[in-house]
Protein backbone atom coordinates (compact mmCIF):
# COMPACT_ATOMS: atom_id res chain seq x y z
CA MET A 1 84.66 90.38 87.55
CA PRO A 2 84.97 92.37 90.37
CA ILE A 3 83.06 92.41 93.91
CA ARG A 4 83.33 94.43 96.20
CA GLU A 5 82.62 94.49 100.62
CA PHE A 6 81.47 97.14 102.63
CA THR A 7 79.62 98.70 105.43
CA ASP A 8 76.63 101.25 105.42
CA SER A 9 76.02 103.92 107.35
CA SER A 10 73.68 102.03 109.60
CA GLY A 11 76.57 98.68 110.14
CA THR A 12 75.34 96.16 107.24
CA SER A 13 77.25 94.48 105.80
CA TRP A 14 77.35 94.78 101.94
CA LEU A 15 78.69 92.16 98.73
CA VAL A 16 78.13 94.20 95.63
CA TRP A 17 78.57 93.23 91.66
CA ALA A 18 78.12 93.92 88.29
CA THR A 19 75.64 91.66 86.71
CA ILE A 20 75.51 91.36 83.30
CA PRO A 21 72.88 89.16 81.62
CA PRO A 22 73.22 87.90 77.76
CA SER A 23 72.35 89.44 75.36
CA ALA A 24 69.26 87.78 74.63
CA GLY A 25 67.97 87.05 78.32
CA VAL A 26 66.82 90.34 78.63
CA LEU A 27 65.25 93.32 77.32
CA GLY A 28 64.77 96.96 77.40
CA ALA A 29 66.50 99.22 80.20
CA MET A 30 68.57 95.59 81.62
CA ARG A 31 70.46 94.37 78.63
CA GLY A 32 72.83 96.44 79.59
CA GLY A 33 73.20 94.77 82.83
CA TRP A 34 72.92 96.36 86.74
CA LEU A 35 75.00 96.64 90.02
CA THR A 36 73.54 93.86 92.58
CA PHE A 37 73.87 94.98 96.11
CA GLU A 38 73.69 91.52 98.84
CA SER A 39 73.05 91.97 102.88
CA SER A 40 72.14 88.77 104.39
CA VAL A 41 68.73 90.25 104.82
CA VAL A 42 68.32 91.37 101.26
CA ARG A 43 69.12 91.43 97.74
CA ARG A 44 68.63 95.09 96.15
CA ARG A 45 69.55 95.85 92.02
CA LEU A 46 70.94 99.46 90.98
CA LEU A 47 71.16 100.43 86.89
CA PRO A 48 72.42 101.20 84.99
CA ILE A 49 75.52 100.15 85.61
CA PRO A 50 77.42 103.44 87.48
CA THR A 51 80.84 104.22 85.77
CA GLY A 52 83.74 104.59 88.30
CA TRP A 53 81.55 101.77 90.84
CA GLU A 54 84.79 99.19 91.28
CA ASP A 55 86.73 102.11 92.58
CA ALA A 56 83.64 103.99 94.79
CA SER A 57 84.65 104.62 98.18
CA ALA A 58 82.33 102.90 101.24
CA ALA A 59 80.46 105.57 101.61
CA LYS A 60 79.49 106.52 97.54
CA LEU A 61 79.04 102.67 97.65
CA ASP A 62 76.08 103.57 100.16
CA LEU A 63 74.66 105.90 98.26
CA LEU A 64 73.81 103.77 95.46
CA CYS A 65 72.69 100.67 97.93
CA ARG A 66 69.98 103.10 98.56
CA ALA A 67 68.61 104.17 95.39
CA ALA A 68 69.52 100.19 94.46
CA THR A 69 65.74 99.19 94.32
CA PRO A 70 64.63 95.75 96.33
CA VAL A 71 64.10 92.46 94.43
CA ARG A 72 63.26 89.13 95.34
CA ARG A 73 63.70 85.28 94.18
CA THR A 74 61.17 84.47 92.70
CA PRO A 75 60.96 80.71 91.01
CA PRO A 76 62.91 79.77 88.59
CA GLY A 77 65.32 81.97 90.58
CA GLY A 78 64.49 85.15 88.43
CA PHE A 79 63.94 88.14 90.59
CA GLU A 80 61.15 90.82 90.59
CA PRO A 81 61.07 94.66 93.41
CA MET A 82 60.06 93.92 95.71
CA ASP A 83 57.47 97.25 98.03
CA SER A 84 59.41 99.67 99.68
CA ASP A 85 57.50 99.36 103.23
CA THR A 86 58.40 95.15 102.82
CA ALA A 87 62.25 96.02 101.99
CA GLU A 88 64.95 95.95 105.59
CA HIS A 89 68.66 96.26 105.45
C-alpha cells in the first residue's frame, strides 16, 4: 500500500494512503475505498479514490485534500463526517 507524504500550501504536513475496506464491511459508495489524509490535527476522507493519486504532485494532493471531508474517530474506532466549521488543517 503506497503512503505519500506532502506539505500543503499552508505548510501543514500530511500523510495520504488508499483505504480499501473488506467488501463485507461497508455499503454503497464507500465499498470501493477512499483516500485517507492525516495531519497532526485532522483526518480527511476522499472518495472515490482518484486514479493516479500515487504519482500526483504535492500541489495536486493539496487540491485533493482540500476536497476531502474531515472525519473524526468515534467509538469503537470508526469515523464520521465532521462539520466543516469545526475542521482544522
